[in-house]
Amino acid sequence: MLDLFSDTPLLVGMIVTLAATGIFGGILAGLLGVGGGIVIVPVLFHVLPFFNVPEDIRMHVAVGTSLATIILTSISSARSHYKKGAIDTDLLKTWGPVILLGVLGGTWMATVVNSAILTGVFAVLALLVAANMAFRPEGAHIANQLPPRPIRDFLALFIGWFSAMMGIGGGTFTVPILTLFNYPIRKAVGTASAIGLIISFPGTIGFLYSGLSAAGLPPGNIGYVNMLGFFVIVPMTILFAPVGAHIAHSIETKLLKLAFAVFLFLTSLRMFYSLMT
């Protein structure tokens, strides 16, 4: 691990970068209702090389740190949604154990595969998320109710497995999947906030433990989780999410979604490019 106290400019630069990441993630979360992880991971992926983080652990640090920041933000968001009756506890009872199983499998896979595979998974799925945001018509759905149990469990397993591998919370996959079956958007968002905790807590533990012996970790890391990131990004995200929500009332949402889709599309292309160079 790099010495936290021997390189003050590196440490200061990292703190400023992490704070900016939290601000950016918080504003976008408030604007579009997406989880901060879908922003935090690609931003960290692009800035960690400036702090001499080796390429073979760069994506692991980005994903692990993102999952850690989601813990507190998920608790805060889930409490708020629960008070408003916007969490489907019945769905959580059936989906929760399956999602947890997916998280355990996805976390294990993420910590044993090389960084290129982890980067490729994020790039492909970010491209799908971008396409959904850009091209899916408002209110479009494929059925009027959730599918039968085997298919429903497969969807839950997918959400847990790939959310853990990407370092994102529940909203990025849960909300689009549920609304495909004409599920009420308010309950989809609320339920996704609780799912974010099911994903982030065990995922964080897995990335903490698996990276303990990794070489070249940046300052402030425990395993693959950067504790500086945790303590700097979380307050910024919580502080600036209401700012984004306020801005959302005065800006056309469709244009914002299109702009974010472009951001994800370019991020995906950049990650694909890094795999080929």
C-alpha atoms as a PDB file:
ATOM      1  CA  MET A   1       0.000   0.000   0.000  1.00  0.00           C
ATOM      2  CA  LEU A   2       1.174   3.513  -0.724  1.00  0.00           C
ATOM      3  CA  ASP A   3       2.183   5.443   2.413  1.00  0.00           C
ATOM      4  CA  LEU A   4      -0.742   7.661   3.340  1.00  0.00           C
ATOM      5  CA  PHE A   5       1.417  10.299   5.035  1.00  0.00           C
ATOM      6  CA  SER A   6       4.490  10.448   2.821  1.00  0.00           C
ATOM      7  CA  ASP A   7       2.899  12.088  -0.225  1.00  0.00           C
ATOM      8  CA  THR A   8       0.747  15.031   0.852  1.00  0.00           C
ATOM      9  CA  PRO A   9       0.004  16.355  -2.667  1.00  0.00           C
ATOM     10  CA  LEU A  10      -1.210  12.887  -3.690  1.00  0.00           C
ATOM     11  CA  LEU A  11      -3.442  12.662  -0.623  1.00  0.00           C
ATOM     12  CA  VAL A  12      -4.905  16.158  -1.092  1.00  0.00           C
ATOM     13  CA  GLY A  13      -5.506  15.523  -4.773  1.00  0.00           C
ATOM     14  CA  MET A  14      -7.264  12.268  -3.978  1.00  0.00           C
ATOM     15  CA  ILE A  15      -9.541  13.887  -1.380  1.00  0.00           C
ATOM     16  CA  VAL A  16     -10.516  16.674  -3.803  1.00  0.00           C
ATOM     17  CA  THR A  17     -11.208  14.141  -6.550  1.00  0.00           C
ATOM     18  CA  LEU A  18     -13.330  11.967  -4.248  1.00  0.00           C
ATOM     19  CA  ALA A  19     -15.314  14.989  -3.070  1.00  0.00           C
ATOM     20  CA  ALA A  20     -15.983  16.010  -6.673  1.00  0.00           C
ATOM     21  CA  THR A  21     -17.075  12.441  -7.421  1.00  0.00           C
ATOM     22  CA  GLY A  22     -19.548  12.542  -4.524  1.00  0.00           C
ATOM     23  CA  ILE A  23     -20.938  15.895  -5.648  1.00  0.00           C
ATOM     24  CA  PHE A  24     -21.350  14.683  -9.234  1.00  0.00           C
ATOM     25  CA  GLY A  25     -22.949  11.420  -8.106  1.00  0.00           C
ATOM     26  CA  GLY A  26     -25.279  13.161  -5.660  1.00  0.00           C
ATOM     27  CA  ILE A  27     -26.526  15.696  -8.169  1.00  0.00           C
ATOM     28  CA  LEU A  28     -27.167  13.073 -10.828  1.00  0.00           C
ATOM     29  CA  ALA A  29     -28.876  10.809  -8.289  1.00  0.00           C
ATOM     30  CA  GLY A  30     -31.219  13.653  -7.387  1.00  0.00           C
ATOM     31  CA  LEU A  31     -31.792  14.655 -10.997  1.00  0.00           C
ATOM     32  CA  LEU A  32     -32.509  11.226 -12.453  1.00  0.00           C
ATOM     33  CA  GLY A  33     -33.249   8.956  -9.512  1.00  0.00           C
ATOM     34  CA  VAL A  34     -30.322   6.661 -10.352  1.00  0.00           C
ATOM     35  CA  GLY A  35     -27.983   5.209  -7.762  1.00  0.00           C
ATOM     36  CA  GLY A  36     -24.676   6.924  -7.205  1.00  0.00           C
ATOM     37  CA  GLY A  37     -22.719   3.778  -8.040  1.00  0.00           C
ATOM     38  CA  ILE A  38     -23.411   4.010 -11.754  1.00  0.00           C
ATOM     39  CA  VAL A  39     -21.576   7.368 -11.603  1.00  0.00           C
ATOM     40  CA  ILE A  40     -18.974   6.664  -8.909  1.00  0.00           C
ATOM     41  CA  VAL A  41     -17.518   3.538 -10.533  1.00  0.00           C
ATOM     42  CA  PRO A  42     -16.713   5.042 -13.966  1.00  0.00           C
ATOM     43  CA  VAL A  43     -15.381   8.270 -12.443  1.00  0.00           C
ATOM     44  CA  LEU A  44     -13.052   6.354 -10.113  1.00  0.00           C
ATOM     45  CA  PHE A  45     -12.066   4.069 -12.989  1.00  0.00           C
ATOM     46  CA  HIS A  46     -10.863   7.103 -14.952  1.00  0.00           C
ATOM     47  CA  VAL A  47      -9.139   8.990 -12.109  1.00  0.00           C
ATOM     48  CA  LEU A  48      -7.423   6.179 -10.176  1.00  0.00           C
ATOM     49  CA  PRO A  49      -4.590   5.896 -12.757  1.00  0.00           C
ATOM     50  CA  PHE A  50      -3.544   9.445 -11.803  1.00  0.00           C
ATOM     51  CA  PHE A  51      -2.861   8.155  -8.290  1.00  0.00           C
ATOM     52  CA  ASN A  52      -0.624   5.306  -9.453  1.00  0.00           C
ATOM     53  CA  VAL A  53      -3.206   2.581  -8.852  1.00  0.00           C
ATOM     54  CA  PRO A  54      -2.128  -0.461 -10.883  1.00  0.00           C
ATOM     55  CA  GLU A  55      -4.360  -1.394 -13.791  1.00  0.00           C
ATOM     56  CA  ASP A  56      -4.919  -4.932 -12.506  1.00  0.00           C
ATOM     57  CA  ILE A  57      -6.732  -3.690  -9.371  1.00  0.00           C
ATOM     58  CA  ARG A  58      -8.156  -0.381 -10.617  1.00  0.00           C
ATOM     59  CA  MET A  59     -11.652  -1.689 -11.320  1.00  0.00           C
ATOM     60  CA  HIS A  60     -11.722  -3.711  -8.102  1.00  0.00           C
ATOM     61  CA  VAL A  61     -10.998  -0.562  -6.052  1.00  0.00           C
ATOM     62  CA  ALA A  62     -13.637   1.419  -7.959  1.00  0.00           C
ATOM     63  CA  VAL A  63     -16.303  -1.260  -7.434  1.00  0.00           C
ATOM     64  CA  GLY A  64     -15.425  -1.973  -3.790  1.00  0.00           C
ATOM     65  CA  THR A  65     -15.388   1.698  -2.849  1.00  0.00           C
ATOM     66  CA  SER A  66     -18.673   2.327  -4.635  1.00  0.00           C
ATOM     67  CA  LEU A  67     -20.397  -0.529  -2.784  1.00  0.00           C
ATOM     68  CA  ALA A  68     -19.213   0.856   0.563  1.00  0.00           C
ATOM     69  CA  THR A  69     -20.660   4.300  -0.155  1.00  0.00           C
ATOM     70  CA  ILE A  70     -24.016   2.762  -1.081  1.00  0.00           C
ATOM     71  CA  ILE A  71     -24.502   1.283   2.422  1.00  0.00           C
ATOM     72  CA  LEU A  72     -25.294   4.544   4.197  1.00  0.00           C
ATOM     73  CA  THR A  73     -27.105   6.156   1.288  1.00  0.00           C
ATOM     74  CA  SER A  74     -29.313   3.054   0.955  1.00  0.00           C
ATOM     75  CA  ILE A  75     -30.192   3.128   4.655  1.00  0.00           C
ATOM     76  CA  SER A  76     -31.131   6.809   4.443  1.00  0.00           C
ATOM     77  CA  SER A  77     -33.145   6.363   1.260  1.00  0.00           C
ATOM     78  CA  ALA A  78     -34.892   3.169   2.405  1.00  0.00           C
ATOM     79  CA  ARG A  79     -35.989   4.758   5.694  1.00  0.00           C
ATOM     80  CA  SER A  80     -37.482   7.673   3.813  1.00  0.00           C
ATOM     81  CA  HIS A  81     -39.345   5.436   1.359  1.00  0.00           C
ATOM     82  CA  TYR A  82     -40.551   3.105   4.121  1.00  0.00           C
ATOM     83  CA  LYS A  83     -42.139   5.986   6.031  1.00  0.00           C
ATOM     84  CA  LYS A  84     -44.049   6.872   2.849  1.00  0.00           C
ATOM     85  CA  GLY A  85     -45.220   3.284   2.365  1.00  0.00           C
ATOM     86  CA  ALA A  86     -43.296   2.983  -0.893  1.00  0.00           C
ATOM     87  CA  ILE A  87     -41.466  -0.298  -0.155  1.00  0.00           C
ATOM     88  CA  ASP A  88     -43.071  -3.566  -1.216  1.00  0.00           C
ATOM     89  CA  THR A  89     -42.205  -5.710   1.810  1.00  0.00           C
ATOM     90  CA  ASP A  90     -43.926  -8.770   0.335  1.00  0.00           C
ATOM     91  CA  LEU A  91     -41.702  -8.626  -2.751  1.00  0.00           C
ATOM     92  CA  LEU A  92     -38.638  -8.118  -0.540  1.00  0.00           C
ATOM     93  CA  LYS A  93     -39.483 -11.268   1.441  1.00  0.00           C
ATOM     94  CA  THR A  94     -39.392 -13.399  -1.719  1.00  0.00           C
ATOM     95  CA  TRP A  95     -36.691 -11.517  -3.627  1.00  0.00           C
ATOM     96  CA  GLY A  96     -34.356 -10.688  -0.736  1.00  0.00           C
ATOM     97  CA  PRO A  97     -32.815 -14.168  -0.209  1.00  0.00           C
ATOM     98  CA  VAL A  98     -32.425 -14.715  -3.970  1.00  0.00           C
ATOM     99  CA  ILE A  99     -30.813 -11.307  -4.457  1.00  0.00           C
ATOM    100  CA  LEU A 100     -28.471 -12.035  -1.538  1.00  0.00           C
ATOM    101  CA  LEU A 101     -27.482 -15.317  -3.174  1.00  0.00           C
ATOM    102  CA  GLY A 102     -26.751 -13.406  -6.385  1.00  0.00           C
ATOM    103  CA  VAL A 103     -24.693 -10.826  -4.479  1.00  0.00           C
ATOM    104  CA  LEU A 104     -22.571 -13.544  -2.875  1.00  0.00           C
ATOM    105  CA  GLY A 105     -21.960 -15.184  -6.252  1.00  0.00           C
ATOM    106  CA  GLY A 106     -21.287 -11.882  -8.019  1.00  0.00           C
ATOM    107  CA  THR A 107     -18.934 -10.679  -5.285  1.00  0.00           C
ATOM    108  CA  TRP A 108     -16.986 -13.935  -5.353  1.00  0.00           C
ATOM    109  CA  MET A 109     -16.691 -13.782  -9.146  1.00  0.00           C
ATOM    110  CA  ALA A 110     -15.696 -10.100  -9.133  1.00  0.00           C
ATOM    111  CA  THR A 111     -12.885 -10.716  -6.674  1.00  0.00           C
ATOM    112  CA  VAL A 112     -11.381 -13.694  -8.512  1.00  0.00           C
ATOM    113  CA  VAL A 113     -11.568 -12.511 -12.135  1.00  0.00           C
ATOM    114  CA  ASN A 114      -9.028 -10.101 -13.558  1.00  0.00           C
ATOM    115  CA  SER A 115      -9.689  -6.399 -13.956  1.00  0.00           C
ATOM    116  CA  ALA A 116     -10.269  -6.695 -17.708  1.00  0.00           C
ATOM    117  CA  ILE A 117     -13.273  -8.997 -17.224  1.00  0.00           C
ATOM    118  CA  LEU A 118     -14.703  -6.742 -14.522  1.00  0.00           C
ATOM    119  CA  THR A 119     -14.255  -3.731 -16.786  1.00  0.00           C
ATOM    120  CA  GLY A 120     -15.887  -5.567 -19.682  1.00  0.00           C
ATOM    121  CA  VAL A 121     -18.924  -6.519 -17.574  1.00  0.00           C
ATOM    122  CA  PHE A 122     -19.421  -2.905 -16.525  1.00  0.00           C
ATOM    123  CA  ALA A 123     -18.951  -1.630 -20.075  1.00  0.00           C
ATOM    124  CA  VAL A 124     -21.525  -4.031 -21.574  1.00  0.00           C
ATOM    125  CA  LEU A 125     -24.165  -3.488 -18.901  1.00  0.00           C
ATOM    126  CA  ALA A 126     -23.635   0.286 -18.819  1.00  0.00           C
ATOM    127  CA  LEU A 127     -24.287   0.264 -22.553  1.00  0.00           C
ATOM    128  CA  LEU A 128     -27.584  -1.582 -21.957  1.00  0.00           C
ATOM    129  CA  VAL A 129     -28.583   0.865 -19.221  1.00  0.00           C
ATOM    130  CA  ALA A 130     -27.793   3.774 -21.559  1.00  0.00           C
ATOM    131  CA  ALA A 131     -29.888   2.232 -24.345  1.00  0.00           C
ATOM    132  CA  ASN A 132     -32.802   1.725 -21.947  1.00  0.00           C
ATOM    133  CA  MET A 133     -32.639   5.365 -20.853  1.00  0.00           C
ATOM    134  CA  ALA A 134     -32.313   6.724 -24.367  1.00  0.00           C
ATOM    135  CA  PHE A 135     -34.746   4.586 -26.332  1.00  0.00           C
ATOM    136  CA  ARG A 136     -37.361   3.058 -24.032  1.00  0.00           C
ATOM    137  CA  PRO A 137     -40.671   4.959 -24.398  1.00  0.00           C
ATOM    138  CA  GLU A 138     -42.172   6.420 -21.240  1.00  0.00           C
ATOM    139  CA  GLY A 139     -44.452   3.872 -19.579  1.00  0.00           C
ATOM    140  CA  ALA A 140     -43.544   1.026 -21.964  1.00  0.00           C
ATOM    141  CA  HIS A 141     -44.005  -2.456 -20.490  1.00  0.00           C
ATOM    142  CA  ILE A 142     -44.172  -6.057 -21.684  1.00  0.00           C
ATOM    143  CA  ALA A 143     -46.750  -7.422 -19.210  1.00  0.00           C
ATOM    144  CA  ASN A 144     -49.270  -6.162 -16.686  1.00  0.00           C
ATOM    145  CA  GLN A 145     -47.923  -8.175 -13.750  1.00  0.00           C
ATOM    146  CA  LEU A 146     -44.722  -9.734 -12.496  1.00  0.00           C
ATOM    147  CA  PRO A 147     -43.796 -13.091 -14.094  1.00  0.00           C
ATOM    148  CA  PRO A 148     -44.206 -16.470 -12.349  1.00  0.00           C
ATOM    149  CA  ARG A 149     -41.789 -17.498  -9.577  1.00  0.00           C
ATOM    150  CA  PRO A 150     -38.988 -19.191 -11.557  1.00  0.00           C
ATOM    151  CA  ILE A 151     -38.589 -16.233 -13.931  1.00  0.00           C
ATOM    152  CA  ARG A 152     -38.996 -13.760 -11.082  1.00  0.00           C
ATOM    153  CA  ASP A 153     -36.247 -15.499  -9.114  1.00  0.00           C
ATOM    154  CA  PHE A 154     -33.955 -15.463 -12.151  1.00  0.00           C
ATOM    155  CA  LEU A 155     -34.456 -11.688 -12.426  1.00  0.00           C
ATOM    156  CA  ALA A 156     -33.641 -11.289  -8.718  1.00  0.00           C
ATOM    157  CA  LEU A 157     -30.503 -13.405  -9.130  1.00  0.00           C
ATOM    158  CA  PHE A 158     -29.461 -11.255 -12.111  1.00  0.00           C
ATOM    159  CA  ILE A 159     -29.991  -8.038 -10.131  1.00  0.00           C
ATOM    160  CA  GLY A 160     -27.903  -9.235  -7.185  1.00  0.00           C
ATOM    161  CA  TRP A 161     -25.133 -10.888  -9.202  1.00  0.00           C
ATOM    162  CA  PHE A 162     -24.390  -8.116 -11.678  1.00  0.00           C
ATOM    163  CA  SER A 163     -25.056  -5.212  -9.308  1.00  0.00           C
ATOM    164  CA  ALA A 164     -22.325  -6.632  -7.048  1.00  0.00           C
ATOM    165  CA  MET A 165     -19.960  -7.061  -9.993  1.00  0.00           C
ATOM    166  CA  MET A 166     -20.596  -3.492 -11.157  1.00  0.00           C
ATOM    167  CA  GLY A 167     -20.533  -1.844  -7.718  1.00  0.00           C
ATOM    168  CA  ILE A 168     -24.021  -0.366  -8.078  1.00  0.00           C
ATOM    169  CA  GLY A 169     -27.110  -0.309  -5.868  1.00  0.00           C
ATOM    170  CA  GLY A 170     -30.550  -1.681  -6.535  1.00  0.00           C
ATOM    171  CA  GLY A 171     -32.075   1.074  -8.639  1.00  0.00           C
ATOM    172  CA  THR A 172     -30.135   0.726 -11.873  1.00  0.00           C
ATOM    173  CA  PHE A 173     -31.534  -2.733 -12.667  1.00  0.00           C
ATOM    174  CA  THR A 174     -34.488  -3.096 -10.287  1.00  0.00           C
ATOM    175  CA  VAL A 175     -36.504  -0.086 -11.435  1.00  0.00           C
ATOM    176  CA  PRO A 176     -36.287  -0.802 -15.202  1.00  0.00           C
ATOM    177  CA  ILE A 177     -37.017  -4.512 -14.665  1.00  0.00           C
ATOM    178  CA  LEU A 178     -40.013  -3.958 -12.386  1.00  0.00           C
ATOM    179  CA  THR A 179     -41.526  -1.253 -14.585  1.00  0.00           C
ATOM    180  CA  LEU A 180     -41.262  -3.602 -17.587  1.00  0.00           C
ATOM    181  CA  PHE A 181     -44.064  -5.509 -15.851  1.00  0.00           C
ATOM    182  CA  ASN A 182     -46.205  -2.410 -15.235  1.00  0.00           C
ATOM    183  CA  TYR A 183     -45.065  -2.201 -11.623  1.00  0.00           C
ATOM    184  CA  PRO A 184     -45.818   1.206  -9.993  1.00  0.00           C
ATOM    185  CA  ILE A 185     -42.772   3.434 -10.404  1.00  0.00           C
ATOM    186  CA  ARG A 186     -43.002   4.868  -6.867  1.00  0.00           C
ATOM    187  CA  LYS A 187     -42.902   1.410  -5.287  1.00  0.00           C
ATOM    188  CA  ALA A 188     -40.210   0.284  -7.725  1.00  0.00           C
ATOM    189  CA  VAL A 189     -37.920   3.123  -6.622  1.00  0.00           C
ATOM    190  CA  GLY A 190     -38.707   2.607  -2.923  1.00  0.00           C
ATOM    191  CA  THR A 191     -38.200  -1.156  -3.049  1.00  0.00           C
ATOM    192  CA  ALA A 192     -34.962  -0.674  -5.001  1.00  0.00           C
ATOM    193  CA  SER A 193     -33.601   1.506  -2.183  1.00  0.00           C
ATOM    194  CA  ALA A 194     -33.971  -1.417   0.259  1.00  0.00           C
ATOM    195  CA  ILE A 195     -32.474  -3.821  -2.277  1.00  0.00           C
ATOM    196  CA  GLY A 196     -29.454  -1.500  -2.443  1.00  0.00           C
ATOM    197  CA  LEU A 197     -28.643  -2.375   1.169  1.00  0.00           C
ATOM    198  CA  ILE A 198     -28.954  -6.121   0.467  1.00  0.00           C
ATOM    199  CA  ILE A 199     -26.431  -5.640  -2.345  1.00  0.00           C
ATOM    200  CA  SER A 200     -23.982  -3.193  -0.791  1.00  0.00           C
ATOM    201  CA  PHE A 201     -23.391  -4.601   2.699  1.00  0.00           C
ATOM    202  CA  PRO A 202     -22.271  -8.172   1.867  1.00  0.00           C
ATOM    203  CA  GLY A 203     -20.604  -6.916  -1.321  1.00  0.00           C
ATOM    204  CA  THR A 204     -18.498  -4.459   0.668  1.00  0.00           C
ATOM    205  CA  ILE A 205     -17.423  -7.146   3.136  1.00  0.00           C
ATOM    206  CA  GLY A 206     -16.366  -9.361   0.237  1.00  0.00           C
ATOM    207  CA  PHE A 207     -14.260  -6.626  -1.371  1.00  0.00           C
ATOM    208  CA  LEU A 208     -12.754  -5.641   1.986  1.00  0.00           C
ATOM    209  CA  TYR A 209     -11.608  -9.172   2.738  1.00  0.00           C
ATOM    210  CA  SER A 210     -10.505 -10.270  -0.717  1.00  0.00           C
ATOM    211  CA  GLY A 211      -8.215  -7.299  -1.274  1.00  0.00           C
ATOM    212  CA  LEU A 212      -6.328  -7.353   2.021  1.00  0.00           C
ATOM    213  CA  SER A 213      -3.187  -8.771   0.430  1.00  0.00           C
ATOM    214  CA  ALA A 214      -3.422  -6.844  -2.868  1.00  0.00           C
ATOM    215  CA  ALA A 215      -0.347  -4.858  -3.919  1.00  0.00           C
ATOM    216  CA  GLY A 216      -0.365  -1.222  -5.017  1.00  0.00           C
ATOM    217  CA  LEU A 217      -3.474  -0.128  -3.121  1.00  0.00           C
ATOM    218  CA  PRO A 218      -4.037   3.647  -2.985  1.00  0.00           C
ATOM    219  CA  PRO A 219      -3.863   5.656   0.262  1.00  0.00           C
ATOM    220  CA  GLY A 220      -6.601   4.888   2.771  1.00  0.00           C
ATOM    221  CA  ASN A 221      -7.560   1.470   1.442  1.00  0.00           C
ATOM    222  CA  ILE A 222      -8.668  -1.538   3.471  1.00  0.00           C
ATOM    223  CA  GLY A 223      -8.752  -4.339   0.961  1.00  0.00           C
ATOM    224  CA  TYR A 224     -10.348  -3.062  -2.217  1.00  0.00           C
ATOM    225  CA  VAL A 225     -12.383  -0.446  -0.332  1.00  0.00           C
ATOM    226  CA  ASN A 226     -10.960   3.055  -0.129  1.00  0.00           C
ATOM    227  CA  MET A 227     -11.961   4.429   3.262  1.00  0.00           C
ATOM    228  CA  LEU A 228     -11.148   7.963   2.165  1.00  0.00           C
ATOM    229  CA  GLY A 229     -13.694   7.463  -0.588  1.00  0.00           C
ATOM    230  CA  PHE A 230     -16.235   6.202   1.911  1.00  0.00           C
ATOM    231  CA  PHE A 231     -15.869   9.143   4.285  1.00  0.00           C
ATOM    232  CA  VAL A 232     -15.599  11.812   1.574  1.00  0.00           C
ATOM    233  CA  ILE A 233     -18.054  10.626  -1.093  1.00  0.00           C
ATOM    234  CA  VAL A 234     -20.963   9.722   1.209  1.00  0.00           C
ATOM    235  CA  PRO A 235     -21.460  13.185   2.798  1.00  0.00           C
ATOM    236  CA  MET A 236     -21.118  14.877  -0.589  1.00  0.00           C
ATOM    237  CA  THR A 237     -23.666  12.535  -2.163  1.00  0.00           C
ATOM    238  CA  ILE A 238     -26.182  13.030   0.649  1.00  0.00           C
ATOM    239  CA  LEU A 239     -25.632  16.799   0.665  1.00  0.00           C
ATOM    240  CA  PHE A 240     -25.992  17.315  -3.090  1.00  0.00           C
ATOM    241  CA  ALA A 241     -28.747  14.805  -3.930  1.00  0.00           C
ATOM    242  CA  PRO A 242     -31.423  17.336  -2.806  1.00  0.00           C
ATOM    243  CA  VAL A 243     -29.752  19.925  -5.053  1.00  0.00           C
ATOM    244  CA  GLY A 244     -30.189  17.620  -8.019  1.00  0.00           C
ATOM    245  CA  ALA A 245     -33.801  16.943  -7.038  1.00  0.00           C
ATOM    246  CA  HIS A 246     -34.447  20.695  -6.905  1.00  0.00           C
ATOM    247  CA  ILE A 247     -32.874  21.255 -10.323  1.00  0.00           C
ATOM    248  CA  ALA A 248     -34.954  18.402 -11.737  1.00  0.00           C
ATOM    249  CA  HIS A 249     -38.136  20.439 -11.242  1.00  0.00           C
ATOM    250  CA  SER A 250     -36.901  23.173 -13.571  1.00  0.00           C
ATOM    251  CA  ILE A 251     -35.253  21.095 -16.334  1.00  0.00           C
ATOM    252  CA  GLU A 252     -36.776  18.763 -18.904  1.00  0.00           C
ATOM    253  CA  THR A 253     -36.310  15.226 -17.536  1.00  0.00           C
ATOM    254  CA  LYS A 254     -36.171  13.588 -20.973  1.00  0.00           C
ATOM    255  CA  LEU A 255     -33.205  15.739 -21.962  1.00  0.00           C
ATOM    256  CA  LEU A 256     -31.458  14.904 -18.688  1.00  0.00           C
ATOM    257  CA  LYS A 257     -31.953  11.179 -19.236  1.00  0.00           C
ATOM    258  CA  LEU A 258     -30.633  11.501 -22.775  1.00  0.00           C
ATOM    259  CA  ALA A 259     -27.573  13.419 -21.528  1.00  0.00           C
ATOM    260  CA  PHE A 260     -26.887  10.774 -18.882  1.00  0.00           C
ATOM    261  CA  ALA A 261     -27.340   8.030 -21.470  1.00  0.00           C
ATOM    262  CA  VAL A 262     -24.691   9.753 -23.585  1.00  0.00           C
ATOM    263  CA  PHE A 263     -22.411   9.917 -20.535  1.00  0.00           C
ATOM    264  CA  LEU A 264     -22.833   6.172 -19.944  1.00  0.00           C
ATOM    265  CA  PHE A 265     -22.381   5.434 -23.646  1.00  0.00           C
ATOM    266  CA  LEU A 266     -19.097   7.355 -23.773  1.00  0.00           C
ATOM    267  CA  THR A 267     -17.991   5.739 -20.506  1.00  0.00           C
ATOM    268  CA  SER A 268     -18.702   2.316 -21.956  1.00  0.00           C
ATOM    269  CA  LEU A 269     -16.749   3.109 -25.129  1.00  0.00           C
ATOM    270  CA  ARG A 270     -13.829   4.395 -23.054  1.00  0.00           C
ATOM    271  CA  MET A 271     -13.774   1.164 -21.056  1.00  0.00           C
ATOM    272  CA  PHE A 272     -13.922  -0.945 -24.220  1.00  0.00           C
ATOM    273  CA  TYR A 273     -11.046   1.118 -25.617  1.00  0.00           C
ATOM    274  CA  SER A 274      -8.979   0.530 -22.467  1.00  0.00           C
ATOM    275  CA  LEU A 275      -9.441  -3.212 -22.946  1.00  0.00           C
ATOM    276  CA  MET A 276      -8.019  -3.038 -26.474  1.00  0.00           C
ATOM    277  CA  THR A 277      -4.952  -0.940 -25.676  1.00  0.00           C
END
